[in-house]
């Protein structure tokens, strides 16, 4: 791959601490939680939640997770 085509994926810490980010994908949320993508998608499909207090929101065809809910469930303070 060339340098132009390489994507830099933000770390879980970067995603949680970005004050401009409101939501993440289910796959990114699974990375933050340290679980497999398949486990996250399975939990969402069976319960509508990734874990207690972390609902998955369906917007059109996309499924997203609120960063605020993730921070609260993990005990992280809101970034300033």
PDB file of N, CA and C in Angstrom:
ATOM      1  N   UNK A   1       0.821  -1.179   0.000  1.00  0.00           N
ATOM      2  CA  UNK A   1       0.000   0.000   0.000  1.00  0.00           C
ATOM      3  C   UNK A   1       0.870   1.248   0.000  1.00  0.00           C
ATOM      4  N   UNK A   2       0.383   2.259  -0.642  1.00  0.00           N
ATOM      5  CA  UNK A   2       1.102   3.524  -0.604  1.00  0.00           C
ATOM      6  C   UNK A   2       0.693   4.299   0.633  1.00  0.00           C
ATOM      7  N   UNK A   3       1.485   5.305   0.955  1.00  0.00           N
ATOM      8  CA  UNK A   3       1.185   6.098   2.138  1.00  0.00           C
ATOM      9  C   UNK A   3      -0.142   6.824   2.021  1.00  0.00           C
ATOM     10  N   UNK A   4      -0.550   7.188   0.826  1.00  0.00           N
ATOM     11  CA  UNK A   4      -1.815   7.890   0.630  1.00  0.00           C
ATOM     12  C   UNK A   4      -3.001   7.003   0.952  1.00  0.00           C
ATOM     13  N   UNK A   5      -2.890   5.718   0.711  1.00  0.00           N
ATOM     14  CA  UNK A   5      -4.012   4.808   0.897  1.00  0.00           C
ATOM     15  C   UNK A   5      -4.123   4.272   2.316  1.00  0.00           C
ATOM     16  N   UNK A   6      -3.105   4.453   3.131  1.00  0.00           N
ATOM     17  CA  UNK A   6      -3.150   3.937   4.486  1.00  0.00           C
ATOM     18  C   UNK A   6      -4.080   4.784   5.336  1.00  0.00           C
ATOM     19  N   UNK A   7      -4.927   4.115   6.101  1.00  0.00           N
ATOM     20  CA  UNK A   7      -5.840   4.813   6.989  1.00  0.00           C
ATOM     21  C   UNK A   7      -5.311   4.713   8.410  1.00  0.00           C
ATOM     22  N   UNK A   8      -5.349   5.821   9.086  1.00  0.00           N
ATOM     23  CA  UNK A   8      -4.951   5.824  10.481  1.00  0.00           C
ATOM     24  C   UNK A   8      -6.222   5.685  11.311  1.00  0.00           C
ATOM     25  N   UNK A   9      -6.324   4.590  12.041  1.00  0.00           N
ATOM     26  CA  UNK A   9      -7.491   4.366  12.871  1.00  0.00           C
ATOM     27  C   UNK A   9      -7.264   4.996  14.238  1.00  0.00           C
ATOM     28  N   UNK A  10      -8.235   5.790  14.686  1.00  0.00           N
ATOM     29  CA  UNK A  10      -8.074   6.394  16.006  1.00  0.00           C
ATOM     30  C   UNK A  10      -8.139   5.323  17.102  1.00  0.00           C
ATOM     31  N   UNK A  11      -7.367   5.534  18.149  1.00  0.00           N
ATOM     32  CA  UNK A  11      -7.373   4.586  19.263  1.00  0.00           C
ATOM     33  C   UNK A  11      -8.661   4.755  20.052  1.00  0.00           C
ATOM     34  N   UNK A  12      -8.953   3.786  20.915  1.00  0.00           N
ATOM     35  CA  UNK A  12     -10.136   3.850  21.765  1.00  0.00           C
ATOM     36  C   UNK A  12     -10.088   5.097  22.639  1.00  0.00           C
ATOM     37  N   UNK A  13      -8.916   5.422  23.150  1.00  0.00           N
ATOM     38  CA  UNK A  13      -8.754   6.606  23.988  1.00  0.00           C
ATOM     39  C   UNK A  13      -9.034   7.874  23.190  1.00  0.00           C
ATOM     40  N   UNK A  14      -8.562   7.929  21.948  1.00  0.00           N
ATOM     41  CA  UNK A  14      -8.818   9.090  21.091  1.00  0.00           C
ATOM     42  C   UNK A  14     -10.314   9.256  20.825  1.00  0.00           C
ATOM     43  N   UNK A  15     -11.001   8.152  20.583  1.00  0.00           N
ATOM     44  CA  UNK A  15     -12.434   8.217  20.318  1.00  0.00           C
ATOM     45  C   UNK A  15     -13.207   8.716  21.539  1.00  0.00           C
ATOM     46  N   UNK A  16     -12.854   8.216  22.719  1.00  0.00           N
ATOM     47  CA  UNK A  16     -13.565   8.613  23.934  1.00  0.00           C
ATOM     48  C   UNK A  16     -13.273  10.051  24.343  1.00  0.00           C
ATOM     49  N   UNK A  17     -12.089  10.549  24.042  1.00  0.00           N
ATOM     50  CA  UNK A  17     -11.691  11.877  24.506  1.00  0.00           C
ATOM     51  C   UNK A  17     -11.863  12.988  23.479  1.00  0.00           C
ATOM     52  N   UNK A  18     -12.395  12.673  22.317  1.00  0.00           N
ATOM     53  CA  UNK A  18     -12.626  13.689  21.296  1.00  0.00           C
ATOM     54  C   UNK A  18     -13.915  14.442  21.631  1.00  0.00           C
ATOM     55  N   UNK A  19     -13.826  15.714  22.044  1.00  0.00           N
ATOM     56  CA  UNK A  19     -15.027  16.444  22.450  1.00  0.00           C
ATOM     57  C   UNK A  19     -15.976  16.748  21.292  1.00  0.00           C
ATOM     58  N   UNK A  20     -15.503  16.633  20.053  1.00  0.00           N
ATOM     59  CA  UNK A  20     -16.355  16.904  18.894  1.00  0.00           C
ATOM     60  C   UNK A  20     -17.097  15.678  18.395  1.00  0.00           C
ATOM     61  N   UNK A  21     -16.740  14.513  18.876  1.00  0.00           N
ATOM     62  CA  UNK A  21     -17.360  13.268  18.416  1.00  0.00           C
ATOM     63  C   UNK A  21     -18.589  12.978  19.279  1.00  0.00           C
ATOM     64  N   UNK A  22     -19.710  12.705  18.620  1.00  0.00           N
ATOM     65  CA  UNK A  22     -20.959  12.439  19.325  1.00  0.00           C
ATOM     66  C   UNK A  22     -21.277  10.952  19.319  1.00  0.00           C
ATOM     67  N   UNK A  23     -21.007  10.284  18.198  1.00  0.00           N
ATOM     68  CA  UNK A  23     -21.306   8.866  18.077  1.00  0.00           C
ATOM     69  C   UNK A  23     -20.127   8.119  17.464  1.00  0.00           C
ATOM     70  N   UNK A  24     -20.158   6.806  17.628  1.00  0.00           N
ATOM     71  CA  UNK A  24     -19.213   5.915  16.963  1.00  0.00           C
ATOM     72  C   UNK A  24     -20.007   4.759  16.389  1.00  0.00           C
ATOM     73  N   UNK A  25     -19.400   4.041  15.468  1.00  0.00           N
ATOM     74  CA  UNK A  25     -20.052   2.861  14.906  1.00  0.00           C
ATOM     75  C   UNK A  25     -20.026   1.729  15.937  1.00  0.00           C
ATOM     76  N   UNK A  26     -20.811   0.711  15.699  1.00  0.00           N
ATOM     77  CA  UNK A  26     -20.811  -0.457  16.586  1.00  0.00           C
ATOM     78  C   UNK A  26     -19.426  -1.105  16.591  1.00  0.00           C
ATOM     79  N   UNK A  27     -18.766  -1.129  15.444  1.00  0.00           N
ATOM     80  CA  UNK A  27     -17.420  -1.699  15.371  1.00  0.00           C
ATOM     81  C   UNK A  27     -16.423  -0.891  16.201  1.00  0.00           C
ATOM     82  N   UNK A  28     -16.506   0.437  16.119  1.00  0.00           N
ATOM     83  CA  UNK A  28     -15.622   1.270  16.935  1.00  0.00           C
ATOM     84  C   UNK A  28     -15.942   1.110  18.420  1.00  0.00           C
ATOM     85  N   UNK A  29     -17.222   0.996  18.764  1.00  0.00           N
ATOM     86  CA  UNK A  29     -17.615   0.792  20.159  1.00  0.00           C
ATOM     87  C   UNK A  29     -17.080  -0.535  20.681  1.00  0.00           C
ATOM     88  N   UNK A  30     -17.069  -1.558  19.838  1.00  0.00           N
ATOM     89  CA  UNK A  30     -16.530  -2.851  20.275  1.00  0.00           C
ATOM     90  C   UNK A  30     -15.039  -2.725  20.569  1.00  0.00           C
ATOM     91  N   UNK A  31     -14.328  -1.917  19.780  1.00  0.00           N
ATOM     92  CA  UNK A  31     -12.916  -1.665  20.021  1.00  0.00           C
ATOM     93  C   UNK A  31     -12.727  -0.948  21.368  1.00  0.00           C
ATOM     94  N   UNK A  32     -13.552   0.029  21.643  1.00  0.00           N
ATOM     95  CA  UNK A  32     -13.481   0.762  22.907  1.00  0.00           C
ATOM     96  C   UNK A  32     -13.734  -0.173  24.087  1.00  0.00           C
ATOM     97  N   UNK A  33     -14.706  -1.065  23.933  1.00  0.00           N
ATOM     98  CA  UNK A  33     -15.065  -1.986  25.014  1.00  0.00           C
ATOM     99  C   UNK A  33     -14.118  -3.179  25.113  1.00  0.00           C
ATOM    100  N   UNK A  34     -13.320  -3.389  24.082  1.00  0.00           N
ATOM    101  CA  UNK A  34     -12.388  -4.510  24.093  1.00  0.00           C
ATOM    102  C   UNK A  34     -13.053  -5.846  23.841  1.00  0.00           C
ATOM    103  N   UNK A  35     -14.112  -5.817  23.027  1.00  0.00           N
ATOM    104  CA  UNK A  35     -14.804  -7.060  22.671  1.00  0.00           C
ATOM    105  C   UNK A  35     -14.763  -7.230  21.157  1.00  0.00           C
ATOM    106  N   UNK A  36     -15.044  -8.431  20.708  1.00  0.00           N
ATOM    107  CA  UNK A  36     -15.046  -8.708  19.274  1.00  0.00           C
ATOM    108  C   UNK A  36     -16.227  -8.027  18.597  1.00  0.00           C
ATOM    109  N   UNK A  37     -16.047  -7.645  17.336  1.00  0.00           N
ATOM    110  CA  UNK A  37     -17.132  -7.032  16.582  1.00  0.00           C
ATOM    111  C   UNK A  37     -18.350  -7.947  16.522  1.00  0.00           C
ATOM    112  N   UNK A  38     -18.105  -9.231  16.324  1.00  0.00           N
ATOM    113  CA  UNK A  38     -19.227 -10.171  16.231  1.00  0.00           C
ATOM    114  C   UNK A  38     -20.003 -10.235  17.544  1.00  0.00           C
ATOM    115  N   UNK A  39     -19.306 -10.137  18.658  1.00  0.00           N
ATOM    116  CA  UNK A  39     -19.973 -10.135  19.973  1.00  0.00           C
ATOM    117  C   UNK A  39     -20.823  -8.877  20.114  1.00  0.00           C
ATOM    118  N   UNK A  40     -20.298  -7.732  19.706  1.00  0.00           N
ATOM    119  CA  UNK A  40     -21.039  -6.475  19.794  1.00  0.00           C
ATOM    120  C   UNK A  40     -22.283  -6.512  18.920  1.00  0.00           C
ATOM    121  N   UNK A  41     -22.137  -6.970  17.685  1.00  0.00           N
ATOM    122  CA  UNK A  41     -23.285  -7.033  16.783  1.00  0.00           C
ATOM    123  C   UNK A  41     -24.319  -8.037  17.278  1.00  0.00           C
ATOM    124  N   UNK A  42     -23.874  -9.136  17.825  1.00  0.00           N
ATOM    125  CA  UNK A  42     -24.794 -10.137  18.362  1.00  0.00           C
ATOM    126  C   UNK A  42     -25.572  -9.577  19.553  1.00  0.00           C
ATOM    127  N   UNK A  43     -24.886  -8.869  20.441  1.00  0.00           N
ATOM    128  CA  UNK A  43     -25.551  -8.263  21.605  1.00  0.00           C
ATOM    129  C   UNK A  43     -26.582  -7.240  21.158  1.00  0.00           C
ATOM    130  N   UNK A  44     -26.219  -6.430  20.179  1.00  0.00           N
ATOM    131  CA  UNK A  44     -27.149  -5.423  19.663  1.00  0.00           C
ATOM    132  C   UNK A  44     -28.381  -6.078  19.048  1.00  0.00           C
ATOM    133  N   UNK A  45     -28.164  -7.096  18.237  1.00  0.00           N
ATOM    134  CA  UNK A  45     -29.291  -7.739  17.556  1.00  0.00           C
ATOM    135  C   UNK A  45     -30.244  -8.421  18.530  1.00  0.00           C
ATOM    136  N   UNK A  46     -29.714  -8.960  19.624  1.00  0.00           N
ATOM    137  CA  UNK A  46     -30.588  -9.683  20.558  1.00  0.00           C
ATOM    138  C   UNK A  46     -31.225  -8.777  21.606  1.00  0.00           C
ATOM    139  N   UNK A  47     -30.564  -7.669  21.971  1.00  0.00           N
ATOM    140  CA  UNK A  47     -31.097  -6.831  23.054  1.00  0.00           C
ATOM    141  C   UNK A  47     -31.317  -5.369  22.683  1.00  0.00           C
ATOM    142  N   UNK A  48     -30.657  -4.890  21.640  1.00  0.00           N
ATOM    143  CA  UNK A  48     -30.715  -3.476  21.302  1.00  0.00           C
ATOM    144  C   UNK A  48     -29.664  -2.659  22.045  1.00  0.00           C
ATOM    145  N   UNK A  49     -28.875  -3.330  22.891  1.00  0.00           N
ATOM    146  CA  UNK A  49     -27.840  -2.678  23.687  1.00  0.00           C
ATOM    147  C   UNK A  49     -26.511  -3.398  23.477  1.00  0.00           C
ATOM    148  N   UNK A  50     -25.405  -2.659  23.656  1.00  0.00           N
ATOM    149  CA  UNK A  50     -24.087  -3.306  23.662  1.00  0.00           C
ATOM    150  C   UNK A  50     -23.787  -3.842  25.042  1.00  0.00           C
ATOM    151  N   UNK A  51     -24.187  -3.082  26.051  1.00  0.00           N
ATOM    152  CA  UNK A  51     -24.055  -3.471  27.450  1.00  0.00           C
ATOM    153  C   UNK A  51     -25.062  -2.630  28.214  1.00  0.00           C
ATOM    154  N   UNK A  52     -25.220  -2.880  29.500  1.00  0.00           N
ATOM    155  CA  UNK A  52     -26.184  -2.125  30.296  1.00  0.00           C
ATOM    156  C   UNK A  52     -25.915  -0.630  30.183  1.00  0.00           C
ATOM    157  N   UNK A  53     -26.927   0.122  29.786  1.00  0.00           N
ATOM    158  CA  UNK A  53     -26.803   1.569  29.690  1.00  0.00           C
ATOM    159  C   UNK A  53     -26.224   2.085  28.393  1.00  0.00           C
ATOM    160  N   UNK A  54     -25.940   1.207  27.443  1.00  0.00           N
ATOM    161  CA  UNK A  54     -25.353   1.634  26.165  1.00  0.00           C
ATOM    162  C   UNK A  54     -26.235   1.146  25.014  1.00  0.00           C
ATOM    163  N   UNK A  55     -27.277   1.943  24.684  1.00  0.00           N
ATOM    164  CA  UNK A  55     -28.155   1.541  23.582  1.00  0.00           C
ATOM    165  C   UNK A  55     -27.505   1.786  22.223  1.00  0.00           C
ATOM    166  N   UNK A  56     -27.940   1.022  21.246  1.00  0.00           N
ATOM    167  CA  UNK A  56     -27.506   1.219  19.863  1.00  0.00           C
ATOM    168  C   UNK A  56     -28.632   1.954  19.152  1.00  0.00           C
ATOM    169  N   UNK A  57     -28.291   3.055  18.507  1.00  0.00           N
ATOM    170  CA  UNK A  57     -29.268   3.871  17.806  1.00  0.00           C
ATOM    171  C   UNK A  57     -29.216   3.551  16.324  1.00  0.00           C
ATOM    172  N   UNK A  58     -30.365   3.299  15.744  1.00  0.00           N
ATOM    173  CA  UNK A  58     -30.420   3.024  14.316  1.00  0.00           C
ATOM    174  C   UNK A  58     -30.849   4.294  13.602  1.00  0.00           C
ATOM    175  N   UNK A  59     -29.992   4.771  12.701  1.00  0.00           N
ATOM    176  CA  UNK A  59     -30.270   5.974  11.924  1.00  0.00           C
ATOM    177  C   UNK A  59     -30.186   5.568  10.463  1.00  0.00           C
ATOM    178  N   UNK A  60     -31.347   5.388   9.856  1.00  0.00           N
ATOM    179  CA  UNK A  60     -31.380   4.864   8.496  1.00  0.00           C
ATOM    180  C   UNK A  60     -30.831   3.455   8.493  1.00  0.00           C
ATOM    181  N   UNK A  61     -29.802   3.215   7.718  1.00  0.00           N
ATOM    182  CA  UNK A  61     -29.174   1.895   7.672  1.00  0.00           C
ATOM    183  C   UNK A  61     -28.010   1.781   8.641  1.00  0.00           C
ATOM    184  N   UNK A  62     -27.601   2.909   9.228  1.00  0.00           N
ATOM    185  CA  UNK A  62     -26.444   2.906  10.135  1.00  0.00           C
ATOM    186  C   UNK A  62     -26.874   2.618  11.568  1.00  0.00           C
ATOM    187  N   UNK A  63     -26.012   1.937  12.272  1.00  0.00           N
ATOM    188  CA  UNK A  63     -26.198   1.690  13.697  1.00  0.00           C
ATOM    189  C   UNK A  63     -25.047   2.383  14.411  1.00  0.00           C
ATOM    190  N   UNK A  64     -25.374   3.300  15.313  1.00  0.00           N
ATOM    191  CA  UNK A  64     -24.350   4.070  16.012  1.00  0.00           C
ATOM    192  C   UNK A  64     -24.566   3.991  17.516  1.00  0.00           C
ATOM    193  N   UNK A  65     -23.510   4.332  18.239  1.00  0.00           N
ATOM    194  CA  UNK A  65     -23.526   4.296  19.691  1.00  0.00           C
ATOM    195  C   UNK A  65     -23.109   5.674  20.190  1.00  0.00           C
ATOM    196  N   UNK A  66     -23.828   6.182  21.167  1.00  0.00           N
ATOM    197  CA  UNK A  66     -23.527   7.482  21.745  1.00  0.00           C
ATOM    198  C   UNK A  66     -22.246   7.413  22.574  1.00  0.00           C
ATOM    199  N   UNK A  67     -21.337   8.330  22.311  1.00  0.00           N
ATOM    200  CA  UNK A  67     -20.100   8.410  23.096  1.00  0.00           C
ATOM    201  C   UNK A  67     -20.429   8.734  24.552  1.00  0.00           C
ATOM    202  N   UNK A  68     -21.429   9.584  24.780  1.00  0.00           N
ATOM    203  CA  UNK A  68     -21.806   9.946  26.155  1.00  0.00           C
ATOM    204  C   UNK A  68     -22.235   8.712  26.944  1.00  0.00           C
ATOM    205  N   UNK A  69     -22.997   7.819  26.306  1.00  0.00           N
ATOM    206  CA  UNK A  69     -23.419   6.585  26.978  1.00  0.00           C
ATOM    207  C   UNK A  69     -22.218   5.672  27.259  1.00  0.00           C
ATOM    208  N   UNK A  70     -21.311   5.585  26.309  1.00  0.00           N
ATOM    209  CA  UNK A  70     -20.108   4.770  26.514  1.00  0.00           C
ATOM    210  C   UNK A  70     -19.268   5.314  27.665  1.00  0.00           C
ATOM    211  N   UNK A  71     -19.060   6.641  27.679  1.00  0.00           N
ATOM    212  CA  UNK A  71     -18.272   7.251  28.756  1.00  0.00           C
ATOM    213  C   UNK A  71     -18.917   6.992  30.115  1.00  0.00           C
ATOM    214  N   UNK A  72     -20.240   7.182  30.186  1.00  0.00           N
ATOM    215  CA  UNK A  72     -20.947   6.991  31.456  1.00  0.00           C
ATOM    216  C   UNK A  72     -20.854   5.536  31.921  1.00  0.00           C
ATOM    217  N   UNK A  73     -21.039   4.594  31.007  1.00  0.00           N
ATOM    218  CA  UNK A  73     -20.998   3.176  31.374  1.00  0.00           C
ATOM    219  C   UNK A  73     -19.603   2.746  31.817  1.00  0.00           C
ATOM    220  N   UNK A  74     -18.569   3.359  31.249  1.00  0.00           N
ATOM    221  CA  UNK A  74     -17.201   3.012  31.594  1.00  0.00           C
ATOM    222  C   UNK A  74     -16.623   3.855  32.730  1.00  0.00           C
ATOM    223  N   UNK A  75     -17.392   4.855  33.178  1.00  0.00           N
ATOM    224  CA  UNK A  75     -16.935   5.696  34.275  1.00  0.00           C
ATOM    225  C   UNK A  75     -15.929   6.748  33.869  1.00  0.00           C
ATOM    226  N   UNK A  76     -15.921   7.149  32.615  1.00  0.00           N
ATOM    227  CA  UNK A  76     -15.011   8.184  32.130  1.00  0.00           C
ATOM    228  C   UNK A  76     -15.704   9.543  32.267  1.00  0.00           C
ATOM    229  N   UNK A  77     -14.977  10.569  32.691  1.00  0.00           N
ATOM    230  CA  UNK A  77     -15.580  11.911  32.734  1.00  0.00           C
ATOM    231  C   UNK A  77     -15.701  12.486  31.326  1.00  0.00           C
ATOM    232  N   UNK A  78     -16.590  13.448  31.177  1.00  0.00           N
ATOM    233  CA  UNK A  78     -16.706  14.122  29.881  1.00  0.00           C
ATOM    234  C   UNK A  78     -15.447  14.918  29.612  1.00  0.00           C
ATOM    235  N   UNK A  79     -14.968  14.934  28.349  1.00  0.00           N
ATOM    236  CA  UNK A  79     -13.759  15.702  28.048  1.00  0.00           C
ATOM    237  C   UNK A  79     -14.069  17.196  28.119  1.00  0.00           C
ATOM    238  N   UNK A  80     -13.072  17.973  28.441  1.00  0.00           N
ATOM    239  CA  UNK A  80     -13.274  19.425  28.538  1.00  0.00           C
ATOM    240  C   UNK A  80     -12.702  20.124  27.347  1.00  0.00           C
TER     241      UNK A  80
END
